[in-house]
């Protein structure tokens, strides 16, 4: 077995515990949730596995240095001391991403530039040549994080953000981030134990992520590349072994995953994305008005959806959300309905009391994931039967 080292998985606000549980189940040790991040330990093979299999991670970072920093010149000096030749060659390309939470350092782009200068100057002084900058497909993507006066320098093993799964070739007006979609499904507790419906499916992201969860398909199987594939220590045989082990754990799924939408472009996009993900046998998508629909079987089921709000479409918000509540009450008994709502005022119009509310962000928009439990018969009768 290889040597274990520290890693940090970045995620979205509200998904930290979900990601921590994913990492534990995959076999990580020392799992500690933070704010929009989870730190953990694993070996090289586990780093490959985390990138391939984590549904709610945006990045898997490998910290290589951490130090106090008090000025831009101090940062330059300390970054320059890092043996960058161990991680890339002078003929390679690099990109630097920086995030700062500090009164001393306020401009992340300037910090990224100062970091890049330090790395390039080290190569130039040692080898009389320097790496070039490539913001799209660098050989090495470096992440710099400054919190007050503590700087952490990490290698980005993912490369591009892990929400870019590789199956979306087309998107709708306001597509849901794949990591957020997977997180919503995991937060709901749905793992493929019954039918699932997204009645306003847009580009089909919830449907696709749900199908991959139900079948235990690695979410990043369709990605073109990971950052670690360009590293000097990349072990192609080890990655192939990790990938094959993950593929061996794929399982069948017996229930139905359905998507409704009224927009013809959205339906076309959703079908295309589902096809790209090779999930057509598990997902059916149809043109259907949710407000005139009803449940097609008496078995328990889940509804998970992200309805449009006034920033996305011109709708009468109060009327629209009232209809959501009425449709759930009338047409969907025996259903657990989970809705991500970006209009907190609109929730009052649903006319149902949520049994759970979880704060999330859809992009920069503060949202709530709410659960409505639609009992078969009255709630009182349900309790008497229990």
Foldseek 3Di string as FASTA:
>chain_A
DADKAKKKFFFFAQCQVVQLVVLVVLPWAPWAGDGRMIMTMDGPLSLLLCLQARQGTFFIWGWDDKDFAQALVRLLVVLLPPPCCQWDPQAFEEFEFEDEAEPRDDDRVVSRVSSQVSQQVSCCVVPVGHHHYDLQQTLWYWYWYYHHGMIIIITTFFRGTSLPQQLQPDFDQQDFRLSVLLSLCVVLVDQQPEEEEAAAQQLNSNVQSNLCSNQQPRSNPNPPDGSNVSTPPDDPVSSVVSNVVSVVSGHDHDYAYEYEHQDPVRQVNNVSSCVSSVNVVRYYYDHDNLLPAADPDPEAYEYEYEDDDVVRDPDPLLVVLCSVLVSCQPGPANYKYKYKYLDVVSPVSSPADFPDWGWGARDPGIIITTIGHHHDPDPVVVVVVD
